[in-house]
Amino acid sequence: MQLQHTIKAVVRCGDNSGYVAECLEIPVVTQGRTLDETIANLHEAVSLHLEDEDLSDMGLAANPTMIVTMELEMVHA
C-alpha cells in the first residue's frame, strides 16, 4: 500500500458568516470567523486528530503536509 504524503483540505465561506474548513482524507471539520482563525483551527484539529495514531493505519506517511484550497463563489458584475 502506498502511503499518502499530503492531507487535502478545502476552505469555503460559511452558511451565515466566517469560513468552514474540511479535510478530504480524514474526518476533520472546523470553522473560524476569519481565514487566519480558520487555518489555525484546522491545524490544531488535524494535529489533535492524528495525535497518538498510527498514521500508516490511516494510509498516511509520517509527517504528512497539508494542502489547503479555497472555494470561491464567482460574482459577475
N, C-alpha and C. Protein backbone atom coordinates (compact mmCIF):
# COMPACT_ATOMS: atom_id res chain seq x y z
N MET A 1 0.84 -1.18 0.00
CA MET A 1 0.00 0.00 0.00
C MET A 1 0.89 1.25 0.00
N GLN A 2 0.60 2.16 -0.90
CA GLN A 2 1.35 3.41 -0.97
C GLN A 2 0.73 4.41 0.00
N LEU A 3 1.56 5.01 0.83
CA LEU A 3 1.09 5.96 1.83
C LEU A 3 1.04 7.36 1.25
N GLN A 4 0.01 8.12 1.64
CA GLN A 4 -0.15 9.49 1.19
C GLN A 4 0.75 10.41 2.00
N HIS A 5 1.36 11.37 1.33
CA HIS A 5 2.24 12.33 1.99
C HIS A 5 1.54 13.66 2.24
N THR A 6 0.29 13.78 1.79
CA THR A 6 -0.44 15.04 1.98
C THR A 6 -1.84 14.76 2.51
N ILE A 7 -2.34 15.73 3.23
CA ILE A 7 -3.74 15.76 3.64
C ILE A 7 -4.33 16.98 2.96
N LYS A 8 -5.38 16.78 2.20
CA LYS A 8 -6.01 17.89 1.48
C LYS A 8 -7.19 18.42 2.28
N ALA A 9 -7.33 19.75 2.30
CA ALA A 9 -8.44 20.40 2.98
C ALA A 9 -9.00 21.49 2.08
N VAL A 10 -10.29 21.73 2.22
CA VAL A 10 -10.97 22.77 1.45
C VAL A 10 -11.57 23.76 2.43
N VAL A 11 -11.38 25.05 2.15
CA VAL A 11 -11.98 26.12 2.94
C VAL A 11 -13.03 26.78 2.07
N ARG A 12 -14.19 26.99 2.65
CA ARG A 12 -15.27 27.67 1.92
C ARG A 12 -15.96 28.64 2.87
N CYS A 13 -16.73 29.56 2.31
CA CYS A 13 -17.49 30.50 3.12
C CYS A 13 -18.54 29.74 3.90
N GLY A 14 -18.73 30.13 5.16
CA GLY A 14 -19.76 29.51 5.99
C GLY A 14 -21.14 29.89 5.51
N ASP A 15 -22.14 29.16 5.98
CA ASP A 15 -23.52 29.44 5.56
C ASP A 15 -23.98 30.83 5.98
N ASN A 16 -23.64 31.23 7.19
CA ASN A 16 -24.10 32.53 7.68
C ASN A 16 -22.98 33.56 7.72
N SER A 17 -21.79 33.11 8.16
CA SER A 17 -20.64 34.01 8.23
C SER A 17 -19.40 33.18 8.44
N GLY A 18 -18.24 33.81 8.36
CA GLY A 18 -16.99 33.12 8.60
C GLY A 18 -16.67 32.09 7.54
N TYR A 19 -15.84 31.11 7.94
CA TYR A 19 -15.34 30.10 7.00
C TYR A 19 -15.41 28.72 7.64
N VAL A 20 -15.50 27.71 6.78
CA VAL A 20 -15.50 26.31 7.21
C VAL A 20 -14.37 25.60 6.48
N ALA A 21 -13.62 24.79 7.20
CA ALA A 21 -12.53 24.00 6.60
C ALA A 21 -12.84 22.52 6.82
N GLU A 22 -12.65 21.72 5.77
CA GLU A 22 -12.93 20.29 5.86
C GLU A 22 -11.83 19.50 5.17
N CYS A 23 -11.30 18.51 5.87
CA CYS A 23 -10.29 17.62 5.29
C CYS A 23 -10.98 16.57 4.43
N LEU A 24 -10.29 16.14 3.38
CA LEU A 24 -10.85 15.15 2.47
C LEU A 24 -10.48 13.72 2.86
N GLU A 25 -9.30 13.51 3.42
CA GLU A 25 -8.84 12.15 3.74
C GLU A 25 -9.19 11.70 5.16
N ILE A 26 -9.36 12.65 6.05
CA ILE A 26 -9.63 12.30 7.45
C ILE A 26 -10.87 13.08 7.91
N PRO A 27 -11.60 12.57 8.90
CA PRO A 27 -12.85 13.23 9.32
C PRO A 27 -12.60 14.42 10.24
N VAL A 28 -12.13 15.52 9.66
CA VAL A 28 -11.87 16.74 10.43
C VAL A 28 -12.59 17.90 9.75
N VAL A 29 -13.42 18.59 10.52
CA VAL A 29 -14.12 19.79 10.05
C VAL A 29 -14.00 20.83 11.16
N THR A 30 -13.72 22.07 10.78
CA THR A 30 -13.63 23.14 11.77
C THR A 30 -14.08 24.44 11.11
N GLN A 31 -14.13 25.50 11.89
CA GLN A 31 -14.57 26.79 11.36
C GLN A 31 -13.86 27.93 12.07
N GLY A 32 -14.06 29.14 11.55
CA GLY A 32 -13.50 30.33 12.17
C GLY A 32 -14.15 31.58 11.61
N ARG A 33 -13.97 32.67 12.32
CA ARG A 33 -14.54 33.94 11.87
C ARG A 33 -13.74 34.53 10.71
N THR A 34 -12.42 34.33 10.73
CA THR A 34 -11.55 34.85 9.68
C THR A 34 -10.80 33.69 9.03
N LEU A 35 -10.16 33.95 7.90
CA LEU A 35 -9.34 32.91 7.26
C LEU A 35 -8.20 32.48 8.16
N ASP A 36 -7.53 33.44 8.78
CA ASP A 36 -6.41 33.12 9.67
C ASP A 36 -6.87 32.23 10.83
N GLU A 37 -7.99 32.58 11.44
CA GLU A 37 -8.52 31.78 12.55
C GLU A 37 -8.92 30.38 12.07
N THR A 38 -9.52 30.30 10.90
CA THR A 38 -9.95 29.01 10.35
C THR A 38 -8.75 28.11 10.09
N ILE A 39 -7.68 28.64 9.50
CA ILE A 39 -6.48 27.85 9.23
C ILE A 39 -5.82 27.42 10.53
N ALA A 40 -5.76 28.30 11.51
CA ALA A 40 -5.18 27.94 12.81
C ALA A 40 -6.01 26.83 13.46
N ASN A 41 -7.34 26.95 13.40
CA ASN A 41 -8.21 25.92 13.96
C ASN A 41 -8.05 24.60 13.21
N LEU A 42 -7.88 24.67 11.90
CA LEU A 42 -7.68 23.46 11.09
C LEU A 42 -6.39 22.76 11.50
N HIS A 43 -5.32 23.52 11.63
CA HIS A 43 -4.03 22.94 12.03
C HIS A 43 -4.16 22.25 13.39
N GLU A 44 -4.80 22.91 14.33
CA GLU A 44 -4.97 22.33 15.66
C GLU A 44 -5.85 21.08 15.62
N ALA A 45 -6.95 21.13 14.87
CA ALA A 45 -7.87 19.99 14.80
C ALA A 45 -7.20 18.78 14.15
N VAL A 46 -6.43 19.00 13.10
CA VAL A 46 -5.72 17.89 12.45
C VAL A 46 -4.67 17.32 13.39
N SER A 47 -3.92 18.18 14.05
CA SER A 47 -2.90 17.71 15.00
C SER A 47 -3.52 16.87 16.10
N LEU A 48 -4.63 17.32 16.65
CA LEU A 48 -5.31 16.56 17.70
C LEU A 48 -5.86 15.24 17.17
N HIS A 49 -6.40 15.26 15.96
CA HIS A 49 -6.96 14.04 15.38
C HIS A 49 -5.87 12.98 15.14
N LEU A 50 -4.69 13.42 14.74
CA LEU A 50 -3.61 12.48 14.41
C LEU A 50 -2.77 12.10 15.63
N GLU A 51 -2.93 12.82 16.72
CA GLU A 51 -2.15 12.56 17.93
C GLU A 51 -2.33 11.12 18.40
N ASP A 52 -1.21 10.46 18.66
CA ASP A 52 -1.20 9.09 19.17
C ASP A 52 -1.81 8.07 18.21
N GLU A 53 -1.95 8.40 16.94
CA GLU A 53 -2.48 7.47 15.94
C GLU A 53 -1.33 6.86 15.16
N ASP A 54 -1.52 5.66 14.67
CA ASP A 54 -0.58 5.05 13.75
C ASP A 54 -0.97 5.54 12.35
N LEU A 55 -0.20 6.50 11.84
CA LEU A 55 -0.56 7.14 10.57
C LEU A 55 -0.65 6.15 9.42
N SER A 56 0.17 5.11 9.45
CA SER A 56 0.13 4.13 8.36
C SER A 56 -1.21 3.38 8.35
N ASP A 57 -1.83 3.20 9.52
CA ASP A 57 -3.16 2.59 9.57
C ASP A 57 -4.20 3.47 8.89
N MET A 58 -3.92 4.76 8.81
CA MET A 58 -4.83 5.71 8.17
C MET A 58 -4.44 5.95 6.71
N GLY A 59 -3.41 5.25 6.24
CA GLY A 59 -2.94 5.42 4.87
C GLY A 59 -2.05 6.63 4.68
N LEU A 60 -1.52 7.18 5.79
CA LEU A 60 -0.69 8.38 5.72
C LEU A 60 0.76 8.07 6.04
N ALA A 61 1.66 8.76 5.36
CA ALA A 61 3.08 8.67 5.66
C ALA A 61 3.37 9.49 6.92
N ALA A 62 4.52 9.26 7.51
CA ALA A 62 4.92 10.03 8.68
C ALA A 62 5.07 11.51 8.30
N ASN A 63 4.65 12.39 9.19
CA ASN A 63 4.75 13.84 8.99
C ASN A 63 4.14 14.32 7.67
N PRO A 64 2.87 14.03 7.42
CA PRO A 64 2.26 14.49 6.17
C PRO A 64 2.14 16.02 6.16
N THR A 65 2.13 16.59 4.98
CA THR A 65 1.90 18.02 4.84
C THR A 65 0.43 18.23 4.51
N MET A 66 -0.04 19.45 4.69
CA MET A 66 -1.43 19.76 4.40
C MET A 66 -1.49 20.72 3.22
N ILE A 67 -2.36 20.41 2.28
CA ILE A 67 -2.61 21.29 1.15
C ILE A 67 -4.01 21.86 1.34
N VAL A 68 -4.11 23.18 1.41
CA VAL A 68 -5.39 23.83 1.64
C VAL A 68 -5.77 24.62 0.40
N THR A 69 -6.98 24.37 -0.09
CA THR A 69 -7.52 25.16 -1.20
C THR A 69 -8.77 25.88 -0.72
N MET A 70 -9.16 26.89 -1.46
CA MET A 70 -10.34 27.67 -1.07
C MET A 70 -11.33 27.69 -2.20
N GLU A 71 -12.58 27.41 -1.87
CA GLU A 71 -13.66 27.51 -2.84
C GLU A 71 -14.20 28.92 -2.81
N LEU A 72 -14.31 29.54 -3.96
CA LEU A 72 -14.85 30.88 -4.06
C LEU A 72 -16.06 30.88 -4.97
N GLU A 73 -17.06 31.65 -4.60
CA GLU A 73 -18.22 31.80 -5.47
C GLU A 73 -17.91 32.88 -6.49
N MET A 74 -18.23 32.60 -7.73
CA MET A 74 -17.99 33.58 -8.78
C MET A 74 -19.08 34.66 -8.72
N VAL A 75 -18.64 35.90 -8.70
CA VAL A 75 -19.56 37.03 -8.69
C VAL A 75 -19.41 37.75 -10.02
N HIS A 76 -20.51 37.86 -10.73
CA HIS A 76 -20.47 38.53 -12.04
C HIS A 76 -20.96 39.97 -11.89
N ALA A 77 -20.21 40.87 -12.51
CA ALA A 77 -20.55 42.29 -12.42
C ALA A 77 -21.67 42.64 -13.36
